[in-house]
C-alpha cells in the first residue's frame, strides 16, 4: 500500500510548475536584495564624499592659520 502511494506521488506532475516557481522566486528575491545592498552602498559613498567635501571647505575657510584649519577639518 505504501509503495503504491509512493509511486503515485513520484509520477504525479500536477505540482511540477511549483518547483520552477520556487526557483524563480528565490532568484528574484536574491536579485532584489543585491540591488538594495548596492544602492545602499552608493548612497553611503555619496554621503561620505559630501562629508569629506564639507570638511575640506570648512578647513579652507580657516586656511591662513593651519592649526585652526586642521582643527576645523577634524571636528
PDB file of N, CA and C in Angstrom:
ATOM      1  N   UNK A   1       0.816  -1.186   0.000  1.00  0.00           N
ATOM      2  CA  UNK A   1       0.000   0.000   0.000  1.00  0.00           C
ATOM      3  C   UNK A   1       0.868   1.261   0.000  1.00  0.00           C
ATOM      4  N   UNK A   2       1.878   1.314   0.872  1.00  0.00           N
ATOM      5  CA  UNK A   2       2.741   2.487   0.952  1.00  0.00           C
ATOM      6  C   UNK A   2       3.573   2.630  -0.313  1.00  0.00           C
ATOM      7  N   UNK A   3       3.984   1.504  -0.872  1.00  0.00           N
ATOM      8  CA  UNK A   3       4.778   1.537  -2.093  1.00  0.00           C
ATOM      9  C   UNK A   3       3.934   2.066  -3.257  1.00  0.00           C
ATOM     10  N   UNK A   4       2.693   1.688  -3.260  1.00  0.00           N
ATOM     11  CA  UNK A   4       1.790   2.155  -4.312  1.00  0.00           C
ATOM     12  C   UNK A   4       1.575   3.674  -4.204  1.00  0.00           C
ATOM     13  N   UNK A   5       1.443   4.168  -2.980  1.00  0.00           N
ATOM     14  CA  UNK A   5       1.286   5.605  -2.762  1.00  0.00           C
ATOM     15  C   UNK A   5       2.549   6.362  -3.189  1.00  0.00           C
ATOM     16  N   UNK A   6       3.702   5.785  -2.908  1.00  0.00           N
ATOM     17  CA  UNK A   6       4.969   6.415  -3.287  1.00  0.00           C
ATOM     18  C   UNK A   6       5.119   6.515  -4.791  1.00  0.00           C
ATOM     19  N   UNK A   7       4.774   5.470  -5.524  1.00  0.00           N
ATOM     20  CA  UNK A   7       4.846   5.518  -6.989  1.00  0.00           C
ATOM     21  C   UNK A   7       3.895   6.562  -7.552  1.00  0.00           C
ATOM     22  N   UNK A   8       2.719   6.619  -6.972  1.00  0.00           N
ATOM     23  CA  UNK A   8       1.720   7.597  -7.427  1.00  0.00           C
ATOM     24  C   UNK A   8       2.219   9.024  -7.173  1.00  0.00           C
ATOM     25  N   UNK A   9       2.837   9.212  -6.013  1.00  0.00           N
ATOM     26  CA  UNK A   9       3.353  10.537  -5.666  1.00  0.00           C
ATOM     27  C   UNK A   9       4.502  10.953  -6.588  1.00  0.00           C
ATOM     28  N   UNK A  10       5.406  10.037  -6.869  1.00  0.00           N
ATOM     29  CA  UNK A  10       6.564  10.360  -7.701  1.00  0.00           C
ATOM     30  C   UNK A  10       6.212  10.530  -9.171  1.00  0.00           C
ATOM     31  N   UNK A  11       5.167   9.885  -9.622  1.00  0.00           N
ATOM     32  CA  UNK A  11       4.805  10.006 -11.029  1.00  0.00           C
ATOM     33  C   UNK A  11       3.835  11.155 -11.301  1.00  0.00           C
ATOM     34  N   UNK A  12       3.299  11.750 -10.256  1.00  0.00           N
ATOM     35  CA  UNK A  12       2.353  12.855 -10.446  1.00  0.00           C
ATOM     36  C   UNK A  12       3.104  14.085 -10.933  1.00  0.00           C
ATOM     37  N   UNK A  13       2.507  14.810 -11.870  1.00  0.00           N
ATOM     38  CA  UNK A  13       3.127  16.023 -12.392  1.00  0.00           C
ATOM     39  C   UNK A  13       2.247  17.250 -12.172  1.00  0.00           C
ATOM     40  N   UNK A  14       1.326  17.177 -11.265  1.00  0.00           N
ATOM     41  CA  UNK A  14       0.413  18.291 -11.022  1.00  0.00           C
ATOM     42  C   UNK A  14       1.127  19.488 -10.401  1.00  0.00           C
ATOM     43  N   UNK A  15       2.147  19.272  -9.600  1.00  0.00           N
ATOM     44  CA  UNK A  15       2.834  20.376  -8.941  1.00  0.00           C
ATOM     45  C   UNK A  15       4.194  20.682  -9.530  1.00  0.00           C
ATOM     46  N   UNK A  16       4.445  20.250 -10.737  1.00  0.00           N
ATOM     47  CA  UNK A  16       5.778  20.441 -11.312  1.00  0.00           C
ATOM     48  C   UNK A  16       6.081  21.907 -11.576  1.00  0.00           C
ATOM     49  N   UNK A  17       5.084  22.710 -11.794  1.00  0.00           N
ATOM     50  CA  UNK A  17       5.324  24.133 -12.030  1.00  0.00           C
ATOM     51  C   UNK A  17       5.742  24.845 -10.758  1.00  0.00           C
ATOM     52  N   UNK A  18       5.341  24.334  -9.605  1.00  0.00           N
ATOM     53  CA  UNK A  18       5.705  24.992  -8.359  1.00  0.00           C
ATOM     54  C   UNK A  18       7.203  24.901  -8.085  1.00  0.00           C
ATOM     55  N   UNK A  19       7.867  23.872  -8.581  1.00  0.00           N
ATOM     56  CA  UNK A  19       9.315  23.751  -8.394  1.00  0.00           C
ATOM     57  C   UNK A  19      10.025  24.880  -9.130  1.00  0.00           C
ATOM     58  N   UNK A  20       9.665  25.113 -10.377  1.00  0.00           N
ATOM     59  CA  UNK A  20      10.298  26.215 -11.107  1.00  0.00           C
ATOM     60  C   UNK A  20       9.868  27.553 -10.533  1.00  0.00           C
ATOM     61  N   UNK A  21       8.660  27.619 -10.008  1.00  0.00           N
ATOM     62  CA  UNK A  21       8.212  28.861  -9.366  1.00  0.00           C
ATOM     63  C   UNK A  21       9.041  29.195  -8.148  1.00  0.00           C
ATOM     64  N   UNK A  22       9.374  28.198  -7.357  1.00  0.00           N
ATOM     65  CA  UNK A  22      10.217  28.411  -6.176  1.00  0.00           C
ATOM     66  C   UNK A  22      11.612  28.850  -6.600  1.00  0.00           C
ATOM     67  N   UNK A  23      12.140  28.249  -7.639  1.00  0.00           N
ATOM     68  CA  UNK A  23      13.471  28.623  -8.125  1.00  0.00           C
ATOM     69  C   UNK A  23      13.470  30.072  -8.611  1.00  0.00           C
ATOM     70  N   UNK A  24      12.494  30.439  -9.421  1.00  0.00           N
ATOM     71  CA  UNK A  24      12.432  31.808  -9.935  1.00  0.00           C
ATOM     72  C   UNK A  24      12.188  32.815  -8.814  1.00  0.00           C
ATOM     73  N   UNK A  25      11.311  32.469  -7.873  1.00  0.00           N
ATOM     74  CA  UNK A  25      11.048  33.374  -6.755  1.00  0.00           C
ATOM     75  C   UNK A  25      12.322  33.603  -5.941  1.00  0.00           C
ATOM     76  N   UNK A  26      13.070  32.535  -5.684  1.00  0.00           N
ATOM     77  CA  UNK A  26      14.330  32.670  -4.942  1.00  0.00           C
ATOM     78  C   UNK A  26      15.318  33.553  -5.697  1.00  0.00           C
ATOM     79  N   UNK A  27      15.367  33.388  -7.007  1.00  0.00           N
ATOM     80  CA  UNK A  27      16.260  34.201  -7.822  1.00  0.00           C
ATOM     81  C   UNK A  27      15.860  35.679  -7.776  1.00  0.00           C
ATOM     82  N   UNK A  28      14.568  35.954  -7.876  1.00  0.00           N
ATOM     83  CA  UNK A  28      14.103  37.340  -7.833  1.00  0.00           C
ATOM     84  C   UNK A  28      14.350  37.976  -6.466  1.00  0.00           C
ATOM     85  N   UNK A  29      14.166  37.220  -5.409  1.00  0.00           N
ATOM     86  CA  UNK A  29      14.426  37.740  -4.066  1.00  0.00           C
ATOM     87  C   UNK A  29      15.919  38.036  -3.895  1.00  0.00           C
ATOM     88  N   UNK A  30      16.768  37.162  -4.415  1.00  0.00           N
ATOM     89  CA  UNK A  30      18.213  37.388  -4.319  1.00  0.00           C
ATOM     90  C   UNK A  30      18.628  38.634  -5.106  1.00  0.00           C
ATOM     91  N   UNK A  31      18.066  38.812  -6.287  1.00  0.00           N
ATOM     92  CA  UNK A  31      18.396  39.988  -7.100  1.00  0.00           C
ATOM     93  C   UNK A  31      17.894  41.267  -6.424  1.00  0.00           C
ATOM     94  N   UNK A  32      16.707  41.212  -5.851  1.00  0.00           N
ATOM     95  CA  UNK A  32      16.170  42.385  -5.156  1.00  0.00           C
ATOM     96  C   UNK A  32      17.033  42.746  -3.949  1.00  0.00           C
ATOM     97  N   UNK A  33      17.471  41.754  -3.204  1.00  0.00           N
ATOM     98  CA  UNK A  33      18.335  42.013  -2.054  1.00  0.00           C
ATOM     99  C   UNK A  33      19.686  42.573  -2.466  1.00  0.00           C
ATOM    100  N   UNK A  34      20.238  42.037  -3.528  1.00  0.00           N
ATOM    101  CA  UNK A  34      21.528  42.525  -4.019  1.00  0.00           C
ATOM    102  C   UNK A  34      21.419  43.954  -4.518  1.00  0.00           C
ATOM    103  N   UNK A  35      20.352  44.252  -5.251  1.00  0.00           N
ATOM    104  CA  UNK A  35      20.199  45.621  -5.749  1.00  0.00           C
ATOM    105  C   UNK A  35      19.993  46.600  -4.604  1.00  0.00           C
ATOM    106  N   UNK A  36      19.310  46.176  -3.560  1.00  0.00           N
ATOM    107  CA  UNK A  36      19.131  47.034  -2.389  1.00  0.00           C
ATOM    108  C   UNK A  36      20.470  47.301  -1.701  1.00  0.00           C
ATOM    109  N   UNK A  37      21.302  46.276  -1.574  1.00  0.00           N
ATOM    110  CA  UNK A  37      22.615  46.444  -0.954  1.00  0.00           C
ATOM    111  C   UNK A  37      23.518  47.353  -1.786  1.00  0.00           C
ATOM    112  N   UNK A  38      23.499  47.194  -3.093  1.00  0.00           N
ATOM    113  CA  UNK A  38      24.328  48.029  -3.967  1.00  0.00           C
ATOM    114  C   UNK A  38      23.870  49.486  -3.899  1.00  0.00           C
ATOM    115  N   UNK A  39      22.560  49.697  -3.908  1.00  0.00           N
ATOM    116  CA  UNK A  39      22.033  51.060  -3.813  1.00  0.00           C
ATOM    117  C   UNK A  39      22.434  51.699  -2.492  1.00  0.00           C
ATOM    118  N   UNK A  40      22.352  50.939  -1.409  1.00  0.00           N
ATOM    119  CA  UNK A  40      22.754  51.459  -0.104  1.00  0.00           C
ATOM    120  C   UNK A  40      24.248  51.778  -0.082  1.00  0.00           C
ATOM    121  N   UNK A  41      25.056  50.967  -0.725  1.00  0.00           N
ATOM    122  CA  UNK A  41      26.494  51.236  -0.793  1.00  0.00           C
ATOM    123  C   UNK A  41      26.808  52.526  -1.533  1.00  0.00           C
ATOM    124  N   UNK A  42      26.137  52.766  -2.659  1.00  0.00           N
ATOM    125  CA  UNK A  42      26.354  54.010  -3.387  1.00  0.00           C
ATOM    126  C   UNK A  42      25.877  55.217  -2.586  1.00  0.00           C
ATOM    127  N   UNK A  43      24.763  55.057  -1.859  1.00  0.00           N
ATOM    128  CA  UNK A  43      24.253  56.162  -1.036  1.00  0.00           C
ATOM    129  C   UNK A  43      25.250  56.503   0.062  1.00  0.00           C
ATOM    130  N   UNK A  44      25.792  55.492   0.724  1.00  0.00           N
ATOM    131  CA  UNK A  44      26.782  55.741   1.773  1.00  0.00           C
ATOM    132  C   UNK A  44      28.060  56.362   1.213  1.00  0.00           C
ATOM    133  N   UNK A  45      28.460  55.938   0.024  1.00  0.00           N
ATOM    134  CA  UNK A  45      29.643  56.513  -0.597  1.00  0.00           C
ATOM    135  C   UNK A  45      29.427  57.998  -0.885  1.00  0.00           C
ATOM    136  N   UNK A  46      28.259  58.356  -1.383  1.00  0.00           N
ATOM    137  CA  UNK A  46      27.956  59.756  -1.648  1.00  0.00           C
ATOM    138  C   UNK A  46      27.900  60.574  -0.368  1.00  0.00           C
ATOM    139  N   UNK A  47      27.352  59.990   0.701  1.00  0.00           N
ATOM    140  CA  UNK A  47      27.304  60.705   1.981  1.00  0.00           C
ATOM    141  C   UNK A  47      28.707  60.946   2.535  1.00  0.00           C
ATOM    142  N   UNK A  48      29.583  59.943   2.425  1.00  0.00           N
ATOM    143  CA  UNK A  48      30.958  60.116   2.910  1.00  0.00           C
ATOM    144  C   UNK A  48      31.715  61.147   2.078  1.00  0.00           C
ATOM    145  N   UNK A  49      31.464  61.167   0.769  1.00  0.00           N
ATOM    146  CA  UNK A  49      32.118  62.150  -0.085  1.00  0.00           C
ATOM    147  C   UNK A  49      31.641  63.555   0.253  1.00  0.00           C
ATOM    148  N   UNK A  50      30.344  63.712   0.507  1.00  0.00           N
ATOM    149  CA  UNK A  50      29.807  65.025   0.888  1.00  0.00           C
ATOM    150  C   UNK A  50      30.392  65.484   2.217  1.00  0.00           C
ATOM    151  N   UNK A  51      30.570  64.548   3.156  1.00  0.00           N
ATOM    152  CA  UNK A  51      31.166  64.894   4.448  1.00  0.00           C
ATOM    153  C   UNK A  51      32.621  65.323   4.273  1.00  0.00           C
ATOM    154  N   UNK A  52      33.368  64.621   3.444  1.00  0.00           N
ATOM    155  CA  UNK A  52      34.767  64.985   3.199  1.00  0.00           C
ATOM    156  C   UNK A  52      34.861  66.338   2.502  1.00  0.00           C
ATOM    157  N   UNK A  53      33.956  66.596   1.555  1.00  0.00           N
ATOM    158  CA  UNK A  53      33.958  67.886   0.874  1.00  0.00           C
ATOM    159  C   UNK A  53      33.623  69.021   1.828  1.00  0.00           C
ATOM    160  N   UNK A  54      32.641  68.810   2.704  1.00  0.00           N
ATOM    161  CA  UNK A  54      32.271  69.844   3.669  1.00  0.00           C
ATOM    162  C   UNK A  54      33.400  70.101   4.661  1.00  0.00           C
ATOM    163  N   UNK A  55      34.080  69.052   5.059  1.00  0.00           N
ATOM    164  CA  UNK A  55      35.206  69.197   5.971  1.00  0.00           C
ATOM    165  C   UNK A  55      36.343  69.976   5.316  1.00  0.00           C
ATOM    166  N   UNK A  56      36.628  69.667   4.061  1.00  0.00           N
ATOM    167  CA  UNK A  56      37.681  70.394   3.347  1.00  0.00           C
ATOM    168  C   UNK A  56      37.308  71.855   3.159  1.00  0.00           C
ATOM    169  N   UNK A  57      36.040  72.117   2.851  1.00  0.00           N
ATOM    170  CA  UNK A  57      35.598  73.502   2.672  1.00  0.00           C
ATOM    171  C   UNK A  57      35.671  74.277   3.981  1.00  0.00           C
ATOM    172  N   UNK A  58      35.323  73.637   5.089  1.00  0.00           N
ATOM    173  CA  UNK A  58      35.413  74.305   6.386  1.00  0.00           C
ATOM    174  C   UNK A  58      36.869  74.586   6.744  1.00  0.00           C
ATOM    175  N   UNK A  59      37.755  73.670   6.406  1.00  0.00           N
ATOM    176  CA  UNK A  59      39.172  73.877   6.708  1.00  0.00           C
ATOM    177  C   UNK A  59      39.759  74.991   5.861  1.00  0.00           C
ATOM    178  N   UNK A  60      39.319  75.124   4.620  1.00  0.00           N
ATOM    179  CA  UNK A  60      39.844  76.168   3.735  1.00  0.00           C
ATOM    180  C   UNK A  60      39.460  77.549   4.246  1.00  0.00           C
ATOM    181  N   UNK A  61      38.309  77.654   4.894  1.00  0.00           N
ATOM    182  CA  UNK A  61      37.888  78.968   5.393  1.00  0.00           C
ATOM    183  C   UNK A  61      38.805  79.468   6.505  1.00  0.00           C
ATOM    184  N   UNK A  62      39.506  78.572   7.191  1.00  0.00           N
ATOM    185  CA  UNK A  62      40.451  78.948   8.249  1.00  0.00           C
ATOM    186  C   UNK A  62      41.894  78.748   7.809  1.00  0.00           C
ATOM    187  N   UNK A  63      42.169  78.815   6.518  1.00  0.00           N
ATOM    188  CA  UNK A  63      43.456  78.398   5.987  1.00  0.00           C
ATOM    189  C   UNK A  63      44.670  79.211   6.438  1.00  0.00           C
ATOM    190  N   UNK A  64      44.611  80.506   6.576  1.00  0.00           N
ATOM    191  CA  UNK A  64      45.871  81.165   6.968  1.00  0.00           C
ATOM    192  C   UNK A  64      46.443  80.622   8.279  1.00  0.00           C
ATOM    193  N   UNK A  65      45.597  80.191   9.167  1.00  0.00           N
ATOM    194  CA  UNK A  65      46.066  79.592  10.426  1.00  0.00           C
ATOM    195  C   UNK A  65      45.938  78.074  10.283  1.00  0.00           C
ATOM    196  N   UNK A  66      47.061  77.406  10.048  1.00  0.00           N
ATOM    197  CA  UNK A  66      46.998  75.970   9.741  1.00  0.00           C
ATOM    198  C   UNK A  66      46.520  75.129  10.926  1.00  0.00           C
ATOM    199  N   UNK A  67      46.808  75.529  12.136  1.00  0.00           N
ATOM    200  CA  UNK A  67      46.375  74.761  13.310  1.00  0.00           C
ATOM    201  C   UNK A  67      44.856  74.820  13.436  1.00  0.00           C
ATOM    202  N   UNK A  68      44.268  75.988  13.246  1.00  0.00           N
ATOM    203  CA  UNK A  68      42.813  76.122  13.306  1.00  0.00           C
ATOM    204  C   UNK A  68      42.155  75.411  12.133  1.00  0.00           C
ATOM    205  N   UNK A  69      42.777  75.436  10.968  1.00  0.00           N
ATOM    206  CA  UNK A  69      42.227  74.763   9.792  1.00  0.00           C
ATOM    207  C   UNK A  69      42.148  73.245  10.024  1.00  0.00           C
ATOM    208  N   UNK A  70      43.213  72.669  10.565  1.00  0.00           N
ATOM    209  CA  UNK A  70      43.204  71.220  10.856  1.00  0.00           C
ATOM    210  C   UNK A  70      42.165  70.906  11.899  1.00  0.00           C
ATOM    211  N   UNK A  71      42.081  71.728  12.924  1.00  0.00           N
ATOM    212  CA  UNK A  71      41.091  71.504  13.984  1.00  0.00           C
ATOM    213  C   UNK A  71      39.672  71.584  13.437  1.00  0.00           C
ATOM    214  N   UNK A  72      39.415  72.552  12.551  1.00  0.00           N
ATOM    215  CA  UNK A  72      38.087  72.681  11.946  1.00  0.00           C
ATOM    216  C   UNK A  72      37.770  71.491  11.054  1.00  0.00           C
ATOM    217  N   UNK A  73      38.759  71.022  10.309  1.00  0.00           N
ATOM    218  CA  UNK A  73      38.533  69.886   9.424  1.00  0.00           C
ATOM    219  C   UNK A  73      38.255  68.604  10.198  1.00  0.00           C
ATOM    220  N   UNK A  74      38.922  68.415  11.311  1.00  0.00           N
ATOM    221  CA  UNK A  74      38.733  67.205  12.091  1.00  0.00           C
ATOM    222  C   UNK A  74      37.414  67.205  12.843  1.00  0.00           C
ATOM    223  N   UNK A  75      37.000  68.343  13.331  1.00  0.00           N
ATOM    224  CA  UNK A  75      35.753  68.420  14.096  1.00  0.00           C
ATOM    225  C   UNK A  75      34.696  68.855  13.165  1.00  0.00           C
TER     226      UNK A  75
END
